[in-house]
C-alpha atoms as a PDB file:
ATOM      1  CA  MET A   1      -0.257  -0.014   0.092  1.00  0.00           C
ATOM      2  CA  ARG A   2       3.073   2.479   0.962  1.00  0.00           C
ATOM      3  CA  GLN A   3       4.743   1.236  -2.220  1.00  0.00           C
ATOM      4  CA  ARG A   4       1.220   2.284  -4.398  1.00  0.00           C
ATOM      5  CA  ALA A   5       0.869   5.623  -2.706  1.00  0.00           C
ATOM      6  CA  ILE A   6       4.686   6.417  -3.554  1.00  0.00           C
ATOM      7  CA  ARG A   7       4.603   5.347  -7.056  1.00  0.00           C
ATOM      8  CA  ASN A   8       1.649   7.843  -7.352  1.00  0.00           C
ATOM      9  CA  LEU A   9       3.221  10.556  -5.841  1.00  0.00           C
ATOM     10  CA  ALA A  10       6.215  10.233  -8.195  1.00  0.00           C
ATOM     11  CA  ASN A  11       3.692  10.728 -11.087  1.00  0.00           C
ATOM     12  CA  LEU A  12       2.374  14.287  -9.645  1.00  0.00           C
ATOM     13  CA  VAL A  13       2.347  17.377 -12.007  1.00  0.00           C
ATOM     14  CA  THR A  14       1.925  20.235  -8.967  1.00  0.00           C
ATOM     15  CA  GLU A  15       2.374  23.300 -11.868  1.00  0.00           C
ATOM     16  CA  LYS A  16      -0.898  22.455 -13.615  1.00  0.00           C
ATOM     17  CA  ALA A  17      -4.472  22.160 -12.085  1.00  0.00           C
ATOM     18  CA  THR A  18      -6.914  19.085 -12.439  1.00  0.00           C
ATOM     19  CA  PRO A  19     -10.312  19.133 -12.258  1.00  0.00           C
ATOM     20  CA  THR A  20     -10.265  16.805  -9.247  1.00  0.00           C
ATOM     21  CA  ARG A  21      -7.771  19.026  -7.377  1.00  0.00           C
ATOM     22  CA  VAL A  22      -9.684  21.885  -8.018  1.00  0.00           C
ATOM     23  CA  LEU A  23     -13.030  20.646  -6.840  1.00  0.00           C
ATOM     24  CA  ASP A  24     -11.039  19.774  -3.516  1.00  0.00           C
ATOM     25  CA  ALA A  25      -9.875  23.261  -3.333  1.00  0.00           C
ATOM     26  CA  ALA A  26     -13.171  24.691  -4.161  1.00  0.00           C
ATOM     27  CA  ALA A  27     -14.846  22.529  -1.034  1.00  0.00           C
ATOM     28  CA  GLY A  28     -11.796  23.761   1.467  1.00  0.00           C
ATOM     29  CA  GLY A  29      -9.755  20.482   1.046  1.00  0.00           C
ATOM     30  CA  LYS A  30      -6.201  20.002   1.353  1.00  0.00           C
ATOM     31  CA  ASN A  31      -5.452  17.630  -1.397  1.00  0.00           C
ATOM     32  CA  ASN A  32      -4.269  20.431  -3.983  1.00  0.00           C
ATOM     33  CA  PHE A  33      -1.694  22.936  -4.882  1.00  0.00           C
ATOM     34  CA  VAL A  34      -1.250  26.471  -5.626  1.00  0.00           C
ATOM     35  CA  ALA A  35      -2.159  26.307  -9.191  1.00  0.00           C
ATOM     36  CA  ASP A  36      -5.438  24.423  -8.218  1.00  0.00           C
ATOM     37  CA  ARG A  37      -6.288  26.917  -6.179  1.00  0.00           C
ATOM     38  CA  ASN A  38      -5.377  30.008  -8.243  1.00  0.00           C
ATOM     39  CA  ALA A  39      -8.038  28.447 -10.473  1.00  0.00           C
ATOM     40  CA  VAL A  40     -10.063  28.637  -8.034  1.00  0.00           C
ATOM     41  CA  SER A  41      -9.499  32.256  -7.399  1.00  0.00           C
ATOM     42  CA  ARG A  42      -9.481  32.930 -11.296  1.00  0.00           C
ATOM     43  CA  TYR A  43     -13.075  31.476 -11.862  1.00  0.00           C
ATOM     44  CA  ASP A  44     -14.602  33.034  -8.491  1.00  0.00           C
ATOM     45  CA  ARG A  45     -13.333  36.434  -9.764  1.00  0.00           C
ATOM     46  CA  ALA A  46     -14.673  35.634 -13.913  1.00  0.00           C
ATOM     47  CA  ALA A  47     -18.105  34.220 -12.493  1.00  0.00           C
ATOM     48  CA  ALA A  48     -18.133  34.016  -8.638  1.00  0.00           C
ATOM     49  CA  VAL A  49     -19.456  30.432  -9.084  1.00  0.00           C
ATOM     50  CA  SER A  50     -16.608  28.047  -8.057  1.00  0.00           C
ATOM     51  CA  THR A  51     -17.021  27.425  -4.447  1.00  0.00           C
ATOM     52  CA  THR A  52     -20.811  27.706  -4.615  1.00  0.00           C
ATOM     53  CA  ALA A  53     -20.754  24.558  -7.248  1.00  0.00           C
ATOM     54  CA  ALA A  54     -18.187  22.742  -5.112  1.00  0.00           C
ATOM     55  CA  ARG A  55     -20.287  22.557  -2.301  1.00  0.00           C
ATOM     56  CA  ALA A  56     -23.628  22.170  -4.330  1.00  0.00           C
ATOM     57  CA  VAL A  57     -21.528  19.196  -5.835  1.00  0.00           C
ATOM     58  CA  MET A  58     -20.465  17.714  -2.667  1.00  0.00           C
ATOM     59  CA  ARG A  59     -24.302  17.812  -1.274  1.00  0.00           C
ATOM     60  CA  PHE A  60     -25.916  16.221  -4.516  1.00  0.00           C
ATOM     61  CA  LEU A  61     -23.385  13.370  -4.492  1.00  0.00           C
ATOM     62  CA  ALA A  62     -24.224  12.638  -0.740  1.00  0.00           C
ATOM     63  CA  ARG A  63     -27.750  13.134  -1.217  1.00  0.00           C
ATOM     64  CA  VAL A  64     -27.843  10.488  -3.882  1.00  0.00           C
ATOM     65  CA  VAL A  65     -25.896   8.114  -1.729  1.00  0.00           C
ATOM     66  CA  ARG A  66     -28.069   8.647   0.855  1.00  0.00           C
ATOM     67  CA  THR A  67     -31.284   8.001  -1.357  1.00  0.00           C
ATOM     68  CA  LEU A  68     -30.228   5.149  -2.714  1.00  0.00           C
ATOM     69  CA  ALA A  69     -29.106   3.527   0.765  1.00  0.00           C
ATOM     70  CA  ALA A  70     -32.535   4.228   1.952  1.00  0.00           C
ATOM     71  CA  GLU A  71     -33.401   2.229  -1.116  1.00  0.00           C
ATOM     72  CA  GLY A  72     -31.263  -0.775   0.020  1.00  0.00           C
ATOM     73  CA  VAL A  73     -28.366  -0.503  -1.896  1.00  0.00           C
ATOM     74  CA  ASP A  74     -25.186  -1.304   0.544  1.00  0.00           C
ATOM     75  CA  GLN A  75     -22.366  -1.099  -2.397  1.00  0.00           C
ATOM     76  CA  PHE A  76     -21.442   1.969  -4.131  1.00  0.00           C
ATOM     77  CA  VAL A  77     -18.823   2.618  -7.181  1.00  0.00           C
ATOM     78  CA  VAL A  78     -17.743   6.129  -7.000  1.00  0.00           C
ATOM     79  CA  ILE A  79     -15.903   7.018 -10.256  1.00  0.00           C
ATOM     80  CA  GLY A  80     -13.726  10.305 -10.401  1.00  0.00           C
ATOM     81  CA  SER A  81     -14.789  11.521  -6.794  1.00  0.00           C
ATOM     82  CA  GLY A  82     -11.632  12.973  -5.943  1.00  0.00           C
ATOM     83  CA  VAL A  83     -12.457  11.836  -2.115  1.00  0.00           C
ATOM     84  CA  PRO A  84     -12.712  15.537  -1.252  1.00  0.00           C
ATOM     85  CA  SER A  85     -10.795  16.342   2.071  1.00  0.00           C
ATOM     86  CA  GLY A  86     -12.505  19.424   2.579  1.00  0.00           C
ATOM     87  CA  LEU A  87     -15.681  17.487   4.059  1.00  0.00           C
ATOM     88  CA  PRO A  88     -15.932  17.555   7.592  1.00  0.00           C
ATOM     89  CA  ALA A  89     -15.396  14.257   9.527  1.00  0.00           C
ATOM     90  CA  GLY A  90     -17.811  11.711   9.018  1.00  0.00           C
ATOM     91  CA  ARG A  91     -19.290  13.263   5.860  1.00  0.00           C
ATOM     92  CA  GLN A  92     -16.900  11.223   3.109  1.00  0.00           C
ATOM     93  CA  LEU A  93     -19.527   9.319   0.730  1.00  0.00           C
ATOM     94  CA  HIS A  94     -18.240   6.188   2.300  1.00  0.00           C
ATOM     95  CA  ASP A  95     -19.548   7.650   5.871  1.00  0.00           C
ATOM     96  CA  VAL A  96     -22.674   8.664   4.137  1.00  0.00           C
ATOM     97  CA  ALA A  97     -23.165   5.066   2.815  1.00  0.00           C
ATOM     98  CA  ARG A  98     -23.161   3.659   6.292  1.00  0.00           C
ATOM     99  CA  ALA A  99     -25.012   6.084   8.186  1.00  0.00           C
ATOM    100  CA  ASP A 100     -28.417   4.553   6.691  1.00  0.00           C
ATOM    101  CA  PRO A 101     -29.582   2.230   9.659  1.00  0.00           C
ATOM    102  CA  GLY A 102     -30.128  -0.514   6.658  1.00  0.00           C
ATOM    103  CA  SER A 103     -26.500  -0.147   5.251  1.00  0.00           C
ATOM    104  CA  GLY A 104     -24.233  -0.020   8.275  1.00  0.00           C
ATOM    105  CA  TRP A 105     -21.820  -2.438   6.456  1.00  0.00           C
ATOM    106  CA  ALA A 106     -21.886  -0.399   3.254  1.00  0.00           C
ATOM    107  CA  ARG A 107     -18.783  -0.709   0.964  1.00  0.00           C
ATOM    108  CA  VAL A 108     -17.751   1.225  -1.353  1.00  0.00           C
ATOM    109  CA  VAL A 109     -15.165   1.852  -4.471  1.00  0.00           C
ATOM    110  CA  TYR A 110     -13.378   4.668  -5.324  1.00  0.00           C
ATOM    111  CA  VAL A 111     -11.977   4.745  -8.819  1.00  0.00           C
ATOM    112  CA  GLU A 112      -9.563   7.340  -9.326  1.00  0.00           C
ATOM    113  CA  SER A 113      -6.563   8.699 -11.493  1.00  0.00           C
ATOM    114  CA  ASP A 114      -5.257  11.593  -9.982  1.00  0.00           C
ATOM    115  CA  PRO A 115      -2.043  10.570  -8.422  1.00  0.00           C
ATOM    116  CA  MET A 116      -2.388  13.010  -5.367  1.00  0.00           C
ATOM    117  CA  ILE A 117      -5.947  11.787  -4.507  1.00  0.00           C
ATOM    118  CA  LEU A 118      -4.873   8.172  -5.144  1.00  0.00           C
ATOM    119  CA  ALA A 119      -1.575   8.434  -2.732  1.00  0.00           C
ATOM    120  CA  ASN A 120      -3.870  10.299  -0.409  1.00  0.00           C
ATOM    121  CA  ALA A 121      -6.601   7.886  -0.101  1.00  0.00           C
ATOM    122  CA  TYR A 122      -4.151   4.890   0.175  1.00  0.00           C
ATOM    123  CA  ALA A 123      -2.790   6.451   2.955  1.00  0.00           C
ATOM    124  CA  THR A 124      -5.670   7.733   4.926  1.00  0.00           C
ATOM    125  CA  ILE A 125      -8.717   5.996   3.928  1.00  0.00           C
ATOM    126  CA  GLU A 126      -8.265   2.314   3.000  1.00  0.00           C
ATOM    127  CA  PRO A 127      -5.703   1.314   6.343  1.00  0.00           C
ATOM    128  CA  ILE A 128      -8.580   2.345   8.749  1.00  0.00           C
ATOM    129  CA  SER A 129     -11.441   0.246   6.575  1.00  0.00           C
ATOM    130  CA  ASP A 130     -11.925  -2.822   5.686  1.00  0.00           C
ATOM    131  CA  LEU A 131     -15.234  -1.353   3.807  1.00  0.00           C
ATOM    132  CA  VAL A 132     -13.342   1.013   1.449  1.00  0.00           C
ATOM    133  CA  ARG A 133     -11.200   0.032  -1.336  1.00  0.00           C
ATOM    134  CA  VAL A 134      -9.837   2.844  -4.072  1.00  0.00           C
ATOM    135  CA  VAL A 135      -9.313   1.772  -7.541  1.00  0.00           C
ATOM    136  CA  GLU A 136      -6.780   3.825 -10.224  1.00  0.00           C
ATOM    137  CA  GLY A 137      -8.422   4.054 -13.250  1.00  0.00           C
ATOM    138  CA  ASP A 138     -10.326   6.361 -15.553  1.00  0.00           C
ATOM    139  CA  MET A 139     -13.353   6.153 -17.836  1.00  0.00           C
ATOM    140  CA  TRP A 140     -11.482   6.578 -21.136  1.00  0.00           C
ATOM    141  CA  GLN A 141     -10.675   3.037 -20.498  1.00  0.00           C
ATOM    142  CA  VAL A 142     -13.543   2.042 -18.700  1.00  0.00           C
ATOM    143  CA  ASP A 143     -13.616  -1.809 -19.707  1.00  0.00           C
ATOM    144  CA  GLU A 144     -10.261  -2.088 -18.407  1.00  0.00           C
ATOM    145  CA  VAL A 145     -11.668  -0.451 -14.897  1.00  0.00           C
ATOM    146  CA  LEU A 146     -14.598  -2.746 -15.057  1.00  0.00           C
ATOM    147  CA  ALA A 147     -12.405  -5.739 -15.176  1.00  0.00           C
ATOM    148  CA  ASP A 148     -10.092  -4.492 -12.351  1.00  0.00           C
ATOM    149  CA  ARG A 149      -9.211  -7.263  -9.742  1.00  0.00           C
ATOM    150  CA  VAL A 150     -10.440  -5.431  -6.709  1.00  0.00           C
ATOM    151  CA  LEU A 151     -13.968  -3.738  -8.701  1.00  0.00           C
ATOM    152  CA  THR A 152     -15.150  -7.532  -9.862  1.00  0.00           C
ATOM    153  CA  THR A 153     -14.255  -9.360  -6.515  1.00  0.00           C
ATOM    154  CA  PHE A 154     -14.885  -6.471  -3.651  1.00  0.00           C
ATOM    155  CA  ILE A 155     -18.233  -5.425  -5.435  1.00  0.00           C
ATOM    156  CA  ASP A 156     -21.027  -8.322  -5.800  1.00  0.00           C
ATOM    157  CA  TRP A 157     -22.282  -7.747  -9.480  1.00  0.00           C
ATOM    158  CA  GLU A 158     -24.859 -10.382  -8.890  1.00  0.00           C
ATOM    159  CA  ARG A 159     -26.207  -7.588  -6.471  1.00  0.00           C
ATOM    160  CA  PRO A 160     -27.643  -4.179  -6.677  1.00  0.00           C
ATOM    161  CA  VAL A 161     -24.863  -1.233  -7.004  1.00  0.00           C
ATOM    162  CA  GLY A 162     -24.779   2.261  -7.007  1.00  0.00           C
ATOM    163  CA  LEU A 163     -22.404   3.683  -9.407  1.00  0.00           C
ATOM    164  CA  LEU A 164     -21.534   7.460  -9.365  1.00  0.00           C
ATOM    165  CA  LEU A 165     -20.191   8.894 -12.282  1.00  0.00           C
ATOM    166  CA  VAL A 166     -18.561  11.951 -11.025  1.00  0.00           C
ATOM    167  CA  SER A 167     -15.818  12.400 -13.631  1.00  0.00           C
ATOM    168  CA  ALA A 168     -17.929  12.922 -16.978  1.00  0.00           C
ATOM    169  CA  HIS A 169     -16.051  16.021 -17.488  1.00  0.00           C
ATOM    170  CA  SER A 170     -12.786  13.975 -18.294  1.00  0.00           C
ATOM    171  CA  ILE A 171     -14.750  12.578 -20.980  1.00  0.00           C
ATOM    172  CA  THR A 172     -13.977  14.661 -24.032  1.00  0.00           C
ATOM    173  CA  ASP A 173     -15.653  12.526 -26.937  1.00  0.00           C
ATOM    174  CA  ASP A 174     -19.259  12.371 -26.951  1.00  0.00           C
ATOM    175  CA  GLU A 175     -19.416   8.822 -28.383  1.00  0.00           C
ATOM    176  CA  HIS A 176     -17.468   7.624 -25.745  1.00  0.00           C
ATOM    177  CA  PHE A 177     -19.455   9.593 -23.091  1.00  0.00           C
ATOM    178  CA  THR A 178     -22.331   7.530 -24.282  1.00  0.00           C
ATOM    179  CA  TYR A 179     -20.385   4.221 -24.644  1.00  0.00           C
ATOM    180  CA  VAL A 180     -19.229   4.810 -21.127  1.00  0.00           C
ATOM    181  CA  ILE A 181     -22.867   5.263 -19.826  1.00  0.00           C
ATOM    182  CA  LYS A 182     -24.002   2.315 -21.722  1.00  0.00           C
ATOM    183  CA  ARG A 183     -21.328   0.307 -20.215  1.00  0.00           C
ATOM    184  CA  LEU A 184     -21.659   1.058 -17.038  1.00  0.00           C
ATOM    185  CA  GLY A 185     -25.677   0.240 -17.282  1.00  0.00           C
ATOM    186  CA  GLN A 186     -24.699  -3.314 -18.622  1.00  0.00           C
ATOM    187  CA  ALA A 187     -22.305  -4.113 -15.868  1.00  0.00           C
ATOM    188  CA  ALA A 188     -24.903  -3.700 -13.039  1.00  0.00           C
ATOM    189  CA  SER A 189     -27.770  -6.094 -11.882  1.00  0.00           C
ATOM    190  CA  PRO A 190     -31.269  -5.492 -11.650  1.00  0.00           C
ATOM    191  CA  GLY A 191     -32.146  -2.977  -9.248  1.00  0.00           C
ATOM    192  CA  SER A 192     -29.132  -0.939  -9.664  1.00  0.00           C
ATOM    193  CA  TYR A 193     -28.522   2.399 -10.282  1.00  0.00           C
ATOM    194  CA  LEU A 194     -26.590   5.070 -12.472  1.00  0.00           C
ATOM    195  CA  ALA A 195     -25.986   8.631 -11.255  1.00  0.00           C
ATOM    196  CA  VAL A 196     -24.257  11.107 -13.274  1.00  0.00           C
ATOM    197  CA  LEU A 197     -23.042  14.294 -12.788  1.00  0.00           C
ATOM    198  CA  GLN A 198     -22.189  16.738 -15.660  1.00  0.00           C
ATOM    199  CA  ALA A 199     -20.695  19.924 -15.803  1.00  0.00           C
ATOM    200  CA  THR A 200     -22.172  22.870 -18.021  1.00  0.00           C
ATOM    201  CA  LEU A 201     -22.035  26.334 -19.490  1.00  0.00           C
ATOM    202  CA  ASP A 202     -25.689  26.451 -19.724  1.00  0.00           C
ATOM    203  CA  GLY A 203     -26.424  28.930 -16.491  1.00  0.00           C
ATOM    204  CA  ILE A 204     -23.440  31.229 -17.595  1.00  0.00           C
ATOM    205  CA  PRO A 205     -24.756  34.947 -18.965  1.00  0.00           C
ATOM    206  CA  ASP A 206     -23.522  35.234 -22.491  1.00  0.00           C
ATOM    207  CA  GLU A 207     -21.326  38.200 -21.643  1.00  0.00           C
ATOM    208  CA  LEU A 208     -19.220  35.647 -19.225  1.00  0.00           C
ATOM    209  CA  LEU A 209     -18.870  32.799 -21.406  1.00  0.00           C
ATOM    210  CA  PRO A 210     -15.923  33.958 -23.715  1.00  0.00           C
ATOM    211  CA  ALA A 211     -13.934  34.528 -20.319  1.00  0.00           C
ATOM    212  CA  ILE A 212     -15.212  31.169 -19.067  1.00  0.00           C
ATOM    213  CA  HIS A 213     -13.852  29.687 -22.049  1.00  0.00           C
ATOM    214  CA  ASP A 214     -10.374  31.172 -22.061  1.00  0.00           C
ATOM    215  CA  LEU A 215      -9.918  29.993 -18.323  1.00  0.00           C
ATOM    216  CA  LEU A 216     -10.918  26.703 -18.997  1.00  0.00           C
ATOM    217  CA  ALA A 217      -8.569  26.654 -22.085  1.00  0.00           C
ATOM    218  CA  VAL A 218      -5.670  28.027 -19.641  1.00  0.00           C
ATOM    219  CA  THR A 219      -6.454  26.063 -16.544  1.00  0.00           C
ATOM    220  CA  LEU A 220      -8.318  22.963 -17.281  1.00  0.00           C
ATOM    221  CA  PRO A 221      -7.951  22.105 -21.255  1.00  0.00           C
ATOM    222  CA  GLY A 222     -10.103  19.175 -21.639  1.00  0.00           C
ATOM    223  CA  TYR A 223     -12.418  19.862 -19.184  1.00  0.00           C
ATOM    224  CA  ALA A 224     -15.868  18.630 -21.019  1.00  0.00           C
ATOM    225  CA  THR A 225     -18.822  20.559 -19.971  1.00  0.00           C
ATOM    226  CA  ARG A 226     -22.230  19.731 -21.842  1.00  0.00           C
ATOM    227  CA  SER A 227     -25.572  21.117 -22.561  1.00  0.00           C
ATOM    228  CA  ARG A 228     -28.657  19.948 -21.193  1.00  0.00           C
ATOM    229  CA  ALA A 229     -29.912  18.644 -24.454  1.00  0.00           C
ATOM    230  CA  ASP A 230     -26.458  16.911 -24.781  1.00  0.00           C
ATOM    231  CA  LEU A 231     -26.728  15.132 -21.689  1.00  0.00           C
ATOM    232  CA  THR A 232     -30.071  14.293 -22.375  1.00  0.00           C
ATOM    233  CA  ALA A 233     -29.179  12.692 -25.563  1.00  0.00           C
ATOM    234  CA  ALA A 234     -26.732  10.466 -23.727  1.00  0.00           C
ATOM    235  CA  MET A 235     -28.802   9.040 -21.069  1.00  0.00           C
ATOM    236  CA  SER A 236     -31.741   8.425 -24.035  1.00  0.00           C
ATOM    237  CA  GLY A 237     -33.438   5.419 -22.708  1.00  0.00           C
ATOM    238  CA  LEU A 238     -32.620   5.345 -19.136  1.00  0.00           C
ATOM    239  CA  ASP A 239     -35.306   5.664 -16.474  1.00  0.00           C
ATOM    240  CA  LEU A 240     -34.742   8.476 -14.532  1.00  0.00           C
ATOM    241  CA  LEU A 241     -35.655   8.680 -10.590  1.00  0.00           C
ATOM    242  CA  GLU A 242     -37.539  11.939 -10.065  1.00  0.00           C
ATOM    243  CA  PRO A 243     -37.062  14.955 -10.559  1.00  0.00           C
ATOM    244  CA  GLY A 244     -35.295  13.355 -13.631  1.00  0.00           C
ATOM    245  CA  LEU A 245     -32.308  15.590 -14.945  1.00  0.00           C
ATOM    246  CA  THR A 246     -31.854  18.938 -13.145  1.00  0.00           C
ATOM    247  CA  TRP A 247     -29.783  20.916 -11.863  1.00  0.00           C
ATOM    248  CA  VAL A 248     -28.280  19.399  -8.776  1.00  0.00           C
ATOM    249  CA  SER A 249     -29.087  21.738  -6.371  1.00  0.00           C
ATOM    250  CA  GLN A 250     -32.715  20.710  -7.489  1.00  0.00           C
ATOM    251  CA  TRP A 251     -32.263  16.920  -7.181  1.00  0.00           C
ATOM    252  CA  ARG A 252     -34.076  15.868  -4.287  1.00  0.00           C
ATOM    253  CA  PRO A 253     -33.186  18.999  -1.584  1.00  0.00           C
ATOM    254  CA  ASP A 254     -33.821  17.404   1.930  1.00  0.00           C
ATOM    255  CA  GLY A 255     -33.111  18.736   5.538  1.00  0.00           C
ATOM    256  CA  HIS A 256     -29.884  17.890   5.346  1.00  0.00           C
ATOM    257  CA  ASP A 257     -28.863  20.924   2.824  1.00  0.00           C
ATOM    258  CA  SER A 258     -30.350  24.364   1.880  1.00  0.00           C
ATOM    259  CA  ILE A 259     -31.161  24.996  -1.639  1.00  0.00           C
ATOM    260  CA  ASP A 260     -30.699  27.947  -3.697  1.00  0.00           C
ATOM    261  CA  ALA A 261     -34.344  28.299  -5.269  1.00  0.00           C
ATOM    262  CA  ASP A 262     -33.546  31.573  -6.863  1.00  0.00           C
ATOM    263  CA  CYS A 263     -30.007  30.755  -8.688  1.00  0.00           C
ATOM    264  CA  PRO A 264     -29.617  26.564  -9.236  1.00  0.00           C
ATOM    265  CA  GLU A 265     -27.759  27.349 -12.080  1.00  0.00           C
ATOM    266  CA  SER A 266     -24.600  28.660  -9.484  1.00  0.00           C
ATOM    267  CA  SER A 267     -24.390  25.182  -9.082  1.00  0.00           C
ATOM    268  CA  GLY A 268     -22.642  24.689 -12.626  1.00  0.00           C
ATOM    269  CA  ASN A 269     -23.562  20.994 -12.856  1.00  0.00           C
ATOM    270  CA  TYR A 270     -26.817  18.874 -13.834  1.00  0.00           C
ATOM    271  CA  GLY A 271     -27.541  15.762 -12.279  1.00  0.00           C
ATOM    272  CA  ALA A 272     -29.488  12.398 -12.625  1.00  0.00           C
ATOM    273  CA  VAL A 273     -30.340   9.021 -11.196  1.00  0.00           C
ATOM    274  CA  ALA A 274     -31.387   6.485 -13.493  1.00  0.00           C
ATOM    275  CA  SER A 275     -32.821   3.120 -12.265  1.00  0.00           C
ATOM    276  CA  LEU A 276     -31.376   0.119 -14.221  1.00  0.00           C
ATOM    277  CA  ASN A 277     -33.861  -2.372 -14.373  1.00  0.00           C
END
């Protein structure tokens, strides 16, 4: 385990921001570098959205996990979460999954490609829990990820599983993005669920779009955003849970979280959860 952490740290590129670490920085975490924090500052100066968006994303993911746990799901695969360190103690997604009385032993696998996040997770999460595993991989190699030994043995694919695709922003090819959604759906047994989080520029005022496009090109090249129409097309044929495809802050808000009813687009992300029958 220590060797894996050292190997991943050796692959770190600290002078460039990454989406996972930017999310962590915006959420107030420690798994990030100056380049990531500078990116957050630049986005806040341009549109004042990054911190709001990060918090909305974290709350959405927690609500999804709580919802699926209440449905009896006790195993989860979180793809590209970043395992953000900005969450309070006891509020990581694997903690949320086990908080429901019906799933006190829920198993969680995090799939991540960022070297720093991997090293931190190997060192701080796996050693203290027999119910959490971390797998290196990304959705450009979705078939290889699904064939990973940990995923095929730690998760019982004959039983319902909650799949959370958090890293849709890393899939720049729309055809491959559609394939990833289809492939994940095929891998899971009936009774499973697929949640998709997707960054979008739909809520950005037209006058700010050129500046945001320029910022993305400089700070996060290869960061894929999609419109509502794009995401609807990619998820065509899936049975979406109510309220369907929405801004993440509008997806089943509950007593744990507040919702910005006046400006839900400030979340900068769409979310949806599909039932895989």
